[in-house]
N, C-alpha and C. Protein backbone atom coordinates (compact mmCIF):
# COMPACT_ATOMS: atom_id res chain seq x y z
N MET A 1 123.13 246.11 29.43
CA MET A 1 123.25 245.72 30.83
C MET A 1 124.66 245.19 31.08
N LYS A 2 125.30 245.68 32.12
CA LYS A 2 126.63 245.23 32.52
C LYS A 2 126.50 244.32 33.73
N ILE A 3 127.23 243.20 33.69
CA ILE A 3 127.07 242.18 34.72
C ILE A 3 128.40 241.82 35.35
N ILE A 4 128.40 241.70 36.68
CA ILE A 4 129.50 241.10 37.44
C ILE A 4 129.00 239.77 37.98
N VAL A 5 129.77 238.71 37.76
CA VAL A 5 129.40 237.38 38.25
C VAL A 5 130.12 237.13 39.57
N ILE A 6 129.36 236.75 40.58
CA ILE A 6 129.91 236.40 41.89
C ILE A 6 130.35 234.94 41.82
N GLY A 7 131.65 234.73 41.82
CA GLY A 7 132.22 233.41 41.64
C GLY A 7 133.29 233.45 40.57
N GLY A 8 134.17 232.44 40.55
CA GLY A 8 135.24 232.46 39.57
C GLY A 8 135.68 231.10 39.09
N LYS A 9 134.89 230.07 39.40
CA LYS A 9 135.21 228.72 38.95
C LYS A 9 133.96 228.08 38.36
N GLY A 10 134.16 227.02 37.59
CA GLY A 10 133.07 226.16 37.15
C GLY A 10 131.90 226.89 36.55
N THR A 11 130.76 226.80 37.23
CA THR A 11 129.51 227.38 36.73
C THR A 11 129.64 228.87 36.50
N ALA A 12 130.32 229.58 37.40
CA ALA A 12 130.47 231.02 37.24
C ALA A 12 131.14 231.35 35.91
N VAL A 13 132.19 230.60 35.57
CA VAL A 13 132.89 230.85 34.31
C VAL A 13 132.01 230.48 33.13
N ASP A 14 131.26 229.39 33.25
CA ASP A 14 130.32 229.03 32.17
C ASP A 14 129.31 230.14 31.93
N ILE A 15 128.76 230.69 33.01
CA ILE A 15 127.80 231.79 32.87
C ILE A 15 128.46 233.00 32.22
N GLY A 16 129.66 233.35 32.71
CA GLY A 16 130.35 234.49 32.14
C GLY A 16 130.61 234.33 30.65
N GLU A 17 131.04 233.15 30.25
CA GLU A 17 131.34 232.95 28.83
C GLU A 17 130.06 232.92 27.98
N GLN A 18 128.95 232.49 28.56
CA GLN A 18 127.69 232.57 27.81
C GLN A 18 127.21 234.01 27.67
N ILE A 19 127.50 234.84 28.65
CA ILE A 19 127.20 236.27 28.52
C ILE A 19 128.01 236.85 27.37
N VAL A 20 129.29 236.50 27.32
CA VAL A 20 130.15 236.97 26.23
C VAL A 20 129.64 236.46 24.89
N ASN A 21 129.27 235.17 24.83
CA ASN A 21 128.75 234.60 23.59
C ASN A 21 127.47 235.29 23.14
N ALA A 22 126.58 235.60 24.09
CA ALA A 22 125.33 236.28 23.74
C ALA A 22 125.60 237.64 23.11
N ARG A 23 126.61 238.33 23.63
CA ARG A 23 126.95 239.65 23.10
C ARG A 23 127.64 239.56 21.74
N GLU A 24 128.62 238.64 21.64
CA GLU A 24 129.44 238.60 20.44
C GLU A 24 128.75 237.92 19.26
N GLN A 25 127.96 236.89 19.52
CA GLN A 25 127.35 236.15 18.41
C GLN A 25 125.92 236.56 18.11
N TYR A 26 125.23 237.09 19.12
CA TYR A 26 123.80 237.38 18.94
C TYR A 26 123.47 238.84 19.19
N ASP A 27 124.48 239.67 19.38
CA ASP A 27 124.30 241.10 19.57
C ASP A 27 123.38 241.43 20.74
N ALA A 28 123.40 240.58 21.76
CA ALA A 28 122.60 240.84 22.96
C ALA A 28 123.16 242.05 23.69
N LYS A 29 122.28 242.84 24.29
CA LYS A 29 122.70 244.06 24.98
C LYS A 29 123.11 243.73 26.40
N VAL A 30 124.17 242.95 26.50
CA VAL A 30 124.66 242.52 27.80
C VAL A 30 126.18 242.44 27.72
N GLU A 31 126.84 242.76 28.84
CA GLU A 31 128.30 242.80 28.84
C GLU A 31 128.83 242.25 30.15
N LEU A 32 129.81 241.37 30.08
CA LEU A 32 130.48 240.85 31.27
C LEU A 32 131.59 241.81 31.68
N LEU A 33 131.49 242.35 32.91
CA LEU A 33 132.54 243.23 33.42
C LEU A 33 133.66 242.44 34.07
N GLY A 34 133.33 241.34 34.73
CA GLY A 34 134.34 240.55 35.42
C GLY A 34 133.73 239.79 36.58
N TRP A 35 134.59 239.46 37.56
CA TRP A 35 134.21 238.53 38.62
C TRP A 35 134.37 239.17 39.99
N ALA A 36 133.57 238.72 40.93
CA ALA A 36 133.76 239.04 42.35
C ALA A 36 133.97 237.71 43.07
N VAL A 37 135.15 237.52 43.64
CA VAL A 37 135.48 236.22 44.21
C VAL A 37 136.46 236.40 45.36
N ASP A 38 136.36 235.55 46.37
CA ASP A 38 137.25 235.63 47.53
C ASP A 38 138.58 234.91 47.33
N ASP A 39 138.61 233.92 46.45
CA ASP A 39 139.78 233.05 46.29
C ASP A 39 140.89 233.80 45.53
N GLU A 40 141.85 234.33 46.26
CA GLU A 40 142.92 235.10 45.64
C GLU A 40 143.86 234.25 44.79
N SER A 41 143.84 232.93 45.01
CA SER A 41 144.71 232.05 44.22
C SER A 41 144.31 232.00 42.75
N LEU A 42 143.12 232.48 42.43
CA LEU A 42 142.67 232.48 41.04
C LEU A 42 143.36 233.56 40.21
N GLY A 43 144.03 234.50 40.89
CA GLY A 43 144.79 235.52 40.19
C GLY A 43 143.97 236.75 39.85
N PRO A 44 144.58 237.69 39.12
CA PRO A 44 143.90 238.96 38.83
C PRO A 44 142.89 238.89 37.70
N GLU A 45 142.89 237.81 36.93
CA GLU A 45 141.89 237.66 35.87
C GLU A 45 141.57 236.19 35.66
N ILE A 46 140.40 235.96 35.13
CA ILE A 46 139.93 234.60 34.85
C ILE A 46 139.38 234.58 33.43
N ASN A 47 139.97 233.75 32.61
CA ASN A 47 139.55 233.63 31.20
C ASN A 47 139.48 234.97 30.48
N GLY A 48 140.44 235.82 30.81
CA GLY A 48 140.55 237.09 30.11
C GLY A 48 139.73 238.23 30.69
N TYR A 49 139.00 237.99 31.78
CA TYR A 49 138.18 239.04 32.40
C TYR A 49 138.66 239.27 33.82
N PRO A 50 138.67 240.52 34.29
CA PRO A 50 139.32 240.85 35.57
C PRO A 50 138.54 240.38 36.80
N VAL A 51 139.30 240.02 37.82
CA VAL A 51 138.72 239.86 39.16
C VAL A 51 138.63 241.26 39.74
N LEU A 52 137.42 241.73 39.96
CA LEU A 52 137.18 243.13 40.30
C LEU A 52 137.26 243.41 41.79
N CYS A 53 136.78 242.46 42.59
CA CYS A 53 136.74 242.66 44.04
C CYS A 53 136.25 241.39 44.70
N LYS A 54 136.14 241.42 46.00
CA LYS A 54 135.51 240.34 46.75
C LYS A 54 134.01 240.61 46.84
N PRO A 55 133.20 239.54 46.98
CA PRO A 55 131.75 239.75 46.98
C PRO A 55 131.26 240.76 48.01
N ARG A 56 131.87 240.79 49.19
CA ARG A 56 131.39 241.71 50.23
C ARG A 56 131.76 243.17 49.94
N GLU A 57 132.59 243.38 48.93
CA GLU A 57 132.96 244.73 48.56
C GLU A 57 132.10 245.29 47.43
N LEU A 58 131.23 244.47 46.87
CA LEU A 58 130.48 244.87 45.68
C LEU A 58 129.61 246.10 45.90
N VAL A 59 128.87 246.10 46.98
CA VAL A 59 127.91 247.19 47.21
C VAL A 59 128.63 248.52 47.32
N GLU A 60 129.77 248.54 48.00
CA GLU A 60 130.51 249.78 48.18
C GLU A 60 131.24 250.20 46.91
N LYS A 61 131.88 249.24 46.24
CA LYS A 61 132.71 249.58 45.08
C LYS A 61 131.91 249.81 43.80
N TYR A 62 130.75 249.17 43.71
CA TYR A 62 129.97 249.27 42.47
C TYR A 62 128.55 249.70 42.79
N ASP A 63 128.46 250.88 43.40
CA ASP A 63 127.17 251.45 43.77
C ASP A 63 126.55 252.15 42.57
N ASP A 64 126.24 251.35 41.57
CA ASP A 64 125.70 251.85 40.30
C ASP A 64 124.55 250.95 39.90
N PRO A 65 123.32 251.46 39.89
CA PRO A 65 122.16 250.61 39.58
C PRO A 65 122.20 250.03 38.17
N GLU A 66 123.07 250.58 37.31
CA GLU A 66 123.17 250.06 35.95
C GLU A 66 124.05 248.81 35.88
N ILE A 67 124.81 248.55 36.94
CA ILE A 67 125.64 247.34 37.01
C ILE A 67 124.88 246.29 37.80
N LYS A 68 124.64 245.16 37.16
CA LYS A 68 123.87 244.09 37.78
C LYS A 68 124.76 242.92 38.16
N LEU A 69 124.25 242.07 39.02
CA LEU A 69 125.02 240.96 39.59
C LEU A 69 124.33 239.63 39.34
N ILE A 70 125.15 238.58 39.29
CA ILE A 70 124.65 237.21 39.26
C ILE A 70 125.46 236.41 40.28
N PHE A 71 124.76 235.67 41.14
CA PHE A 71 125.40 234.84 42.15
C PHE A 71 125.59 233.44 41.60
N SER A 72 126.84 232.94 41.68
CA SER A 72 127.10 231.60 41.15
C SER A 72 128.16 230.90 41.99
N LEU A 73 127.84 230.66 43.24
CA LEU A 73 128.75 229.95 44.13
C LEU A 73 128.14 228.66 44.66
N TYR A 74 127.19 228.11 43.93
CA TYR A 74 126.52 226.90 44.41
C TYR A 74 127.43 225.67 44.32
N ARG A 75 127.23 224.76 45.28
CA ARG A 75 127.85 223.44 45.24
C ARG A 75 126.81 222.42 45.66
N ALA A 76 126.83 221.28 44.99
CA ALA A 76 125.81 220.26 45.27
C ALA A 76 125.79 219.83 46.73
N ASP A 77 126.96 219.80 47.36
CA ASP A 77 127.05 219.34 48.74
C ASP A 77 126.91 220.44 49.78
N ARG A 78 126.74 221.68 49.31
CA ARG A 78 126.69 222.80 50.26
C ARG A 78 125.62 223.81 49.86
N MET A 79 124.50 223.35 49.37
CA MET A 79 123.48 224.28 48.88
C MET A 79 122.97 225.20 49.98
N GLU A 80 122.66 224.65 51.14
CA GLU A 80 122.10 225.46 52.22
C GLU A 80 123.13 226.48 52.72
N GLU A 81 124.37 226.05 52.82
CA GLU A 81 125.44 226.95 53.25
C GLU A 81 125.62 228.10 52.27
N ARG A 82 125.55 227.81 50.97
CA ARG A 82 125.78 228.83 49.96
C ARG A 82 124.59 229.80 49.86
N VAL A 83 123.39 229.30 50.12
CA VAL A 83 122.23 230.20 50.17
C VAL A 83 122.38 231.17 51.33
N SER A 84 122.84 230.67 52.46
CA SER A 84 123.09 231.56 53.61
C SER A 84 124.17 232.58 53.29
N LEU A 85 125.19 232.16 52.54
CA LEU A 85 126.25 233.07 52.14
C LEU A 85 125.69 234.21 51.29
N LEU A 86 124.88 233.88 50.32
CA LEU A 86 124.26 234.91 49.48
C LEU A 86 123.48 235.90 50.33
N LYS A 87 122.68 235.41 51.25
CA LYS A 87 121.88 236.29 52.10
C LYS A 87 122.77 237.19 52.97
N SER A 88 123.92 236.66 53.38
CA SER A 88 124.79 237.42 54.27
C SER A 88 125.41 238.64 53.60
N TYR A 89 125.44 238.68 52.27
CA TYR A 89 126.00 239.83 51.57
C TYR A 89 125.12 241.07 51.71
N GLY A 90 123.83 240.88 51.98
CA GLY A 90 122.94 242.01 52.16
C GLY A 90 122.74 242.84 50.90
N ILE A 91 122.80 242.22 49.75
CA ILE A 91 122.65 242.93 48.48
C ILE A 91 121.17 243.02 48.14
N ALA A 92 120.73 244.21 47.78
CA ALA A 92 119.32 244.42 47.45
C ALA A 92 118.93 243.58 46.23
N PRO A 93 117.73 243.00 46.24
CA PRO A 93 117.29 242.20 45.09
C PRO A 93 117.36 242.95 43.76
N SER A 94 117.16 244.27 43.79
CA SER A 94 117.15 245.05 42.56
C SER A 94 118.51 245.08 41.87
N ARG A 95 119.57 244.69 42.59
CA ARG A 95 120.90 244.70 41.99
C ARG A 95 121.19 243.45 41.16
N PHE A 96 120.33 242.46 41.24
CA PHE A 96 120.58 241.21 40.53
C PHE A 96 119.90 241.18 39.17
N ALA A 97 120.60 240.60 38.20
CA ALA A 97 120.09 240.47 36.84
C ALA A 97 119.50 239.09 36.61
N ASN A 98 118.56 239.01 35.69
CA ASN A 98 118.22 237.74 35.05
C ASN A 98 118.99 237.67 33.73
N PHE A 99 119.71 236.59 33.52
CA PHE A 99 120.40 236.40 32.24
C PHE A 99 119.76 235.22 31.52
N VAL A 100 119.21 235.51 30.34
CA VAL A 100 118.60 234.48 29.48
C VAL A 100 119.36 234.48 28.17
N HIS A 101 120.07 233.41 27.91
CA HIS A 101 120.82 233.32 26.65
C HIS A 101 119.86 233.37 25.47
N PRO A 102 120.24 233.97 24.36
CA PRO A 102 119.34 234.06 23.20
C PRO A 102 118.83 232.72 22.69
N LEU A 103 119.54 231.63 22.97
CA LEU A 103 119.09 230.31 22.52
C LEU A 103 118.25 229.59 23.58
N ALA A 104 117.94 230.25 24.67
CA ALA A 104 117.01 229.69 25.66
C ALA A 104 115.59 230.11 25.30
N TYR A 105 114.62 229.36 25.81
CA TYR A 105 113.20 229.66 25.52
C TYR A 105 112.49 230.00 26.81
N VAL A 106 111.75 231.11 26.78
CA VAL A 106 110.90 231.50 27.91
C VAL A 106 109.51 231.81 27.36
N SER A 107 108.52 231.04 27.79
CA SER A 107 107.15 231.28 27.36
C SER A 107 106.71 232.68 27.78
N LYS A 108 105.86 233.29 26.97
CA LYS A 108 105.38 234.63 27.30
C LYS A 108 104.54 234.64 28.57
N SER A 109 104.00 233.48 28.98
CA SER A 109 103.20 233.43 30.19
C SER A 109 104.00 233.02 31.42
N ALA A 110 105.30 232.70 31.24
CA ALA A 110 106.16 232.36 32.38
C ALA A 110 106.60 233.64 33.09
N THR A 111 106.84 233.55 34.38
CA THR A 111 107.34 234.69 35.15
C THR A 111 108.55 234.25 35.96
N MET A 112 109.42 235.20 36.26
CA MET A 112 110.58 234.89 37.09
C MET A 112 110.93 236.09 37.96
N GLY A 113 111.61 235.80 39.05
CA GLY A 113 112.04 236.85 39.96
C GLY A 113 113.33 237.49 39.49
N VAL A 114 114.37 237.47 40.34
CA VAL A 114 115.64 238.11 39.99
C VAL A 114 116.78 237.11 40.17
N GLY A 115 117.90 237.40 39.49
CA GLY A 115 119.10 236.60 39.66
C GLY A 115 119.08 235.24 39.01
N ASN A 116 118.13 235.01 38.11
CA ASN A 116 118.04 233.71 37.45
C ASN A 116 118.93 233.65 36.22
N VAL A 117 119.39 232.43 35.90
CA VAL A 117 120.24 232.20 34.73
C VAL A 117 119.65 231.06 33.92
N LEU A 118 119.37 231.33 32.64
CA LEU A 118 118.95 230.30 31.70
C LEU A 118 120.01 230.22 30.60
N LEU A 119 120.82 229.17 30.65
CA LEU A 119 121.86 229.01 29.65
C LEU A 119 121.25 228.49 28.35
N SER A 120 122.08 228.42 27.32
CA SER A 120 121.58 228.06 25.98
C SER A 120 120.84 226.73 25.99
N HIS A 121 119.75 226.66 25.22
CA HIS A 121 118.95 225.46 25.03
C HIS A 121 118.28 224.96 26.32
N SER A 122 118.01 225.88 27.24
CA SER A 122 117.14 225.58 28.38
C SER A 122 115.80 226.23 28.13
N GLY A 123 114.78 225.90 28.96
CA GLY A 123 113.47 226.44 28.66
C GLY A 123 112.52 226.49 29.84
N LEU A 124 111.66 227.52 29.82
CA LEU A 124 110.52 227.63 30.74
C LEU A 124 109.25 227.61 29.90
N PHE A 125 108.35 226.70 30.20
CA PHE A 125 107.14 226.58 29.40
C PHE A 125 105.98 227.35 30.05
N SER A 126 104.81 227.19 29.51
CA SER A 126 103.70 228.08 29.83
C SER A 126 103.36 228.09 31.32
N ASN A 127 103.16 229.29 31.82
CA ASN A 127 102.68 229.54 33.19
C ASN A 127 103.62 229.03 34.28
N VAL A 128 104.89 228.83 33.94
CA VAL A 128 105.87 228.52 34.97
C VAL A 128 106.07 229.74 35.86
N ARG A 129 106.22 229.51 37.16
CA ARG A 129 106.54 230.57 38.11
C ARG A 129 107.90 230.26 38.71
N LEU A 130 108.90 231.03 38.31
CA LEU A 130 110.28 230.81 38.75
C LEU A 130 110.65 231.88 39.76
N GLY A 131 111.21 231.49 40.89
CA GLY A 131 111.57 232.43 41.94
C GLY A 131 112.85 233.18 41.63
N ASN A 132 113.77 233.22 42.60
CA ASN A 132 115.01 233.99 42.48
C ASN A 132 116.24 233.08 42.49
N HIS A 133 117.27 233.48 41.77
CA HIS A 133 118.60 232.87 41.85
C HIS A 133 118.60 231.39 41.48
N ASN A 134 117.84 231.04 40.46
CA ASN A 134 117.85 229.68 39.95
C ASN A 134 118.77 229.60 38.72
N VAL A 135 119.44 228.46 38.54
CA VAL A 135 120.33 228.26 37.40
C VAL A 135 119.85 227.05 36.61
N LEU A 136 119.61 227.26 35.32
CA LEU A 136 119.25 226.17 34.41
C LEU A 136 120.36 226.01 33.39
N TYR A 137 121.06 224.89 33.48
CA TYR A 137 122.08 224.59 32.49
C TYR A 137 121.43 224.16 31.17
N ALA A 138 122.26 224.03 30.14
CA ALA A 138 121.78 223.61 28.82
C ALA A 138 120.97 222.32 28.93
N ARG A 139 119.89 222.27 28.15
CA ARG A 139 118.99 221.12 28.05
C ARG A 139 118.14 220.91 29.31
N SER A 140 118.12 221.88 30.20
CA SER A 140 117.18 221.83 31.32
C SER A 140 115.88 222.50 30.91
N PHE A 141 114.77 221.94 31.37
CA PHE A 141 113.49 222.59 31.07
C PHE A 141 112.53 222.41 32.24
N ILE A 142 111.64 223.37 32.39
CA ILE A 142 110.61 223.34 33.42
C ILE A 142 109.26 223.28 32.73
N GLY A 143 108.48 222.23 33.00
CA GLY A 143 107.21 222.02 32.33
C GLY A 143 106.13 222.99 32.78
N HIS A 144 105.07 223.03 32.00
CA HIS A 144 104.02 224.03 32.19
C HIS A 144 103.38 223.97 33.58
N ASP A 145 103.01 225.13 34.08
CA ASP A 145 102.28 225.29 35.34
C ASP A 145 103.05 224.78 36.56
N THR A 146 104.35 224.74 36.45
CA THR A 146 105.19 224.33 37.58
C THR A 146 105.64 225.56 38.37
N ARG A 147 105.73 225.42 39.68
CA ARG A 147 106.19 226.49 40.56
C ARG A 147 107.55 226.12 41.15
N VAL A 148 108.50 227.01 40.97
CA VAL A 148 109.87 226.77 41.44
C VAL A 148 110.25 227.88 42.40
N GLY A 149 110.83 227.52 43.54
CA GLY A 149 111.22 228.52 44.54
C GLY A 149 112.52 229.21 44.19
N ASP A 150 113.41 229.34 45.17
CA ASP A 150 114.65 230.09 45.02
C ASP A 150 115.87 229.18 45.13
N ASN A 151 116.97 229.61 44.48
CA ASN A 151 118.30 229.01 44.68
C ASN A 151 118.37 227.54 44.30
N ASN A 152 117.67 227.18 43.23
CA ASN A 152 117.71 225.81 42.74
C ASN A 152 118.68 225.70 41.57
N PHE A 153 119.22 224.49 41.35
CA PHE A 153 120.25 224.27 40.33
C PHE A 153 119.87 223.04 39.52
N PHE A 154 119.73 223.24 38.21
CA PHE A 154 119.30 222.18 37.30
C PHE A 154 120.39 221.92 36.27
N VAL A 155 120.92 220.70 36.22
CA VAL A 155 122.01 220.37 35.30
C VAL A 155 121.47 219.44 34.22
N GLY A 156 121.07 220.00 33.09
CA GLY A 156 120.53 219.17 32.02
C GLY A 156 119.37 218.32 32.50
N ALA A 157 118.49 218.90 33.30
CA ALA A 157 117.42 218.16 33.97
C ALA A 157 116.06 218.57 33.42
N GLY A 158 115.11 217.65 33.49
CA GLY A 158 113.76 217.91 33.02
C GLY A 158 112.75 217.83 34.14
N VAL A 159 111.86 218.83 34.21
CA VAL A 159 110.83 218.88 35.24
C VAL A 159 109.47 218.86 34.58
N GLY A 160 108.61 217.93 34.98
CA GLY A 160 107.29 217.80 34.40
C GLY A 160 106.35 218.92 34.81
N SER A 161 105.14 218.82 34.33
CA SER A 161 104.15 219.89 34.53
C SER A 161 103.50 219.82 35.90
N GLU A 162 103.01 220.97 36.35
CA GLU A 162 102.24 221.10 37.60
C GLU A 162 102.97 220.51 38.80
N THR A 163 104.27 220.71 38.81
CA THR A 163 105.13 220.25 39.90
C THR A 163 105.45 221.44 40.79
N VAL A 164 105.76 221.18 42.05
CA VAL A 164 106.17 222.22 42.99
C VAL A 164 107.57 221.89 43.48
N ILE A 165 108.50 222.81 43.27
CA ILE A 165 109.87 222.64 43.72
C ILE A 165 110.18 223.73 44.73
N GLY A 166 110.74 223.33 45.86
CA GLY A 166 111.01 224.29 46.93
C GLY A 166 112.24 225.13 46.68
N ASN A 167 113.12 225.22 47.67
CA ASN A 167 114.30 226.07 47.61
C ASN A 167 115.56 225.23 47.79
N GLY A 168 116.64 225.62 47.10
CA GLY A 168 117.93 224.97 47.29
C GLY A 168 118.00 223.54 46.81
N VAL A 169 117.19 223.18 45.84
CA VAL A 169 117.18 221.81 45.30
C VAL A 169 118.27 221.69 44.24
N PHE A 170 118.97 220.58 44.23
CA PHE A 170 119.97 220.29 43.20
C PHE A 170 119.51 219.08 42.40
N MET A 171 119.40 219.27 41.08
CA MET A 171 119.02 218.18 40.18
C MET A 171 120.21 217.83 39.31
N GLY A 172 120.70 216.59 39.45
CA GLY A 172 121.88 216.16 38.72
C GLY A 172 121.62 215.96 37.24
N MET A 173 122.69 215.79 36.50
CA MET A 173 122.64 215.68 35.05
C MET A 173 121.73 214.55 34.57
N ASN A 174 120.88 214.89 33.61
CA ASN A 174 119.96 213.94 32.97
C ASN A 174 118.93 213.35 33.92
N SER A 175 118.67 214.02 35.03
CA SER A 175 117.61 213.57 35.92
C SER A 175 116.27 214.16 35.46
N THR A 176 115.19 213.51 35.85
CA THR A 176 113.85 213.97 35.47
C THR A 176 112.91 213.88 36.67
N ILE A 177 111.92 214.78 36.66
CA ILE A 177 110.87 214.76 37.68
C ILE A 177 109.54 214.63 36.97
N ASN A 178 108.76 213.67 37.38
CA ASN A 178 107.42 213.49 36.82
C ASN A 178 106.53 214.66 37.21
N GLY A 179 105.45 214.85 36.49
CA GLY A 179 104.51 215.91 36.82
C GLY A 179 103.74 215.63 38.10
N ASN A 180 103.19 216.69 38.68
CA ASN A 180 102.27 216.60 39.82
C ASN A 180 102.91 216.00 41.07
N VAL A 181 104.18 216.33 41.31
CA VAL A 181 104.82 215.93 42.56
C VAL A 181 105.39 217.17 43.23
N THR A 182 105.83 217.03 44.48
CA THR A 182 106.43 218.11 45.24
C THR A 182 107.84 217.72 45.65
N ILE A 183 108.79 218.64 45.44
CA ILE A 183 110.17 218.41 45.83
C ILE A 183 110.50 219.38 46.95
N GLY A 184 110.85 218.85 48.12
CA GLY A 184 111.07 219.68 49.30
C GLY A 184 112.39 220.45 49.25
N ASP A 185 112.51 221.42 50.15
CA ASP A 185 113.70 222.26 50.22
C ASP A 185 114.97 221.43 50.40
N TYR A 186 116.02 221.81 49.68
CA TYR A 186 117.36 221.23 49.79
C TYR A 186 117.39 219.73 49.52
N ALA A 187 116.46 219.27 48.73
CA ALA A 187 116.53 217.88 48.26
C ALA A 187 117.65 217.76 47.23
N PHE A 188 118.19 216.57 47.10
CA PHE A 188 119.24 216.29 46.12
C PHE A 188 118.78 215.13 45.24
N ILE A 189 118.76 215.37 43.94
CA ILE A 189 118.32 214.35 42.99
C ILE A 189 119.52 213.93 42.18
N GLY A 190 119.91 212.67 42.31
CA GLY A 190 121.13 212.18 41.70
C GLY A 190 121.07 212.10 40.19
N MET A 191 122.23 212.03 39.59
CA MET A 191 122.38 211.98 38.14
C MET A 191 121.57 210.81 37.54
N CYS A 192 120.89 211.09 36.44
CA CYS A 192 120.13 210.09 35.67
C CYS A 192 118.98 209.47 36.46
N SER A 193 118.50 210.16 37.48
CA SER A 193 117.39 209.63 38.28
C SER A 193 116.05 210.02 37.67
N ASN A 194 115.05 209.17 37.92
CA ASN A 194 113.69 209.40 37.44
C ASN A 194 112.77 209.47 38.65
N VAL A 195 112.38 210.69 39.00
CA VAL A 195 111.58 210.92 40.21
C VAL A 195 110.10 210.81 39.83
N ILE A 196 109.40 209.87 40.43
CA ILE A 196 107.99 209.67 40.10
C ILE A 196 107.06 209.93 41.28
N LYS A 197 107.63 210.27 42.44
CA LYS A 197 106.80 210.63 43.58
C LYS A 197 107.50 211.72 44.36
N SER A 198 106.76 212.35 45.27
CA SER A 198 107.29 213.52 45.99
C SER A 198 108.52 213.17 46.82
N VAL A 199 109.37 214.18 47.01
CA VAL A 199 110.63 214.03 47.74
C VAL A 199 110.59 214.96 48.95
N GLU A 200 110.96 214.44 50.10
CA GLU A 200 110.92 215.22 51.34
C GLU A 200 112.07 216.23 51.39
N PRO A 201 111.92 217.30 52.18
CA PRO A 201 113.02 218.24 52.36
C PRO A 201 114.30 217.54 52.84
N HIS A 202 115.43 217.94 52.31
CA HIS A 202 116.76 217.43 52.65
C HIS A 202 116.96 215.96 52.28
N GLN A 203 116.05 215.38 51.55
CA GLN A 203 116.18 213.98 51.16
C GLN A 203 117.04 213.86 49.90
N THR A 204 117.83 212.79 49.82
CA THR A 204 118.60 212.46 48.63
C THR A 204 117.95 211.26 47.96
N VAL A 205 117.69 211.36 46.67
CA VAL A 205 117.11 210.24 45.93
C VAL A 205 117.97 209.94 44.71
N PHE A 206 117.94 208.68 44.30
CA PHE A 206 118.76 208.25 43.17
C PHE A 206 118.13 207.01 42.55
N GLY A 207 118.26 206.88 41.23
CA GLY A 207 117.87 205.66 40.53
C GLY A 207 116.63 205.84 39.67
N ASN A 208 116.20 204.73 39.08
CA ASN A 208 115.03 204.69 38.20
C ASN A 208 114.18 203.46 38.55
N PRO A 209 113.08 203.70 39.28
CA PRO A 209 112.62 204.98 39.84
C PRO A 209 113.50 205.43 41.00
N ALA A 210 113.50 206.72 41.26
CA ALA A 210 114.35 207.28 42.31
C ALA A 210 113.89 206.82 43.69
N ARG A 211 114.85 206.41 44.51
CA ARG A 211 114.58 205.99 45.88
C ARG A 211 115.52 206.73 46.82
N SER A 212 115.10 206.84 48.07
CA SER A 212 115.91 207.54 49.06
C SER A 212 117.20 206.78 49.33
N VAL A 213 118.32 207.51 49.37
CA VAL A 213 119.62 206.95 49.68
C VAL A 213 120.35 207.89 50.62
N PRO A 214 121.36 207.41 51.35
CA PRO A 214 122.15 208.31 52.20
C PRO A 214 122.87 209.33 51.33
N ARG A 215 122.94 210.55 51.80
CA ARG A 215 123.63 211.59 51.04
C ARG A 215 125.15 211.38 51.15
N SER A 216 125.82 211.31 50.00
CA SER A 216 127.26 211.03 50.00
C SER A 216 128.07 212.09 49.30
N VAL A 217 127.39 213.15 48.73
CA VAL A 217 128.14 214.20 48.02
C VAL A 217 128.80 215.15 49.03
């Protein structure tokens, strides 16, 4: 499988380099072709791989079903805006890849949609239902029987069992969610927070236990 990553900074580069690592160290049948990014200041290549085009040019320039895409332009302070950006590209879901690093764990009973990324040492446990375009950084895990929507971002975060997570949620580094709660769309969970009760859509919570705070990111 050949992959173009949409994005050229931060998480996008991390994903690209894990694709390279999976191929070079674990003989995974996956190959990074390069990047699709609008920011011309990044130059013609990033970390040794070419900038191929702008995201809106992908469908026309790479009309090949064997070339798959990964979207990685999320920002903690602009999740809803970036989800709208992804939708505006009009790219068919079938063009997106799921990338699971060989050191990630996916239970045989877990399911996922398209465009998801599981970096090394992340995990999906039994009967997890993962939607589309979710990113799990290293040491992130989703507990059994949890349902996760689309476009969520987990940074070294832990999610308990039988939890429901909506869309566009950002979980900061080392944060945790207790089991049997609901996290609303576009909620923001601050770094090192311990969520023990449900969080409303667009709410920001922080602390141990996590409490609602004004959004400052």
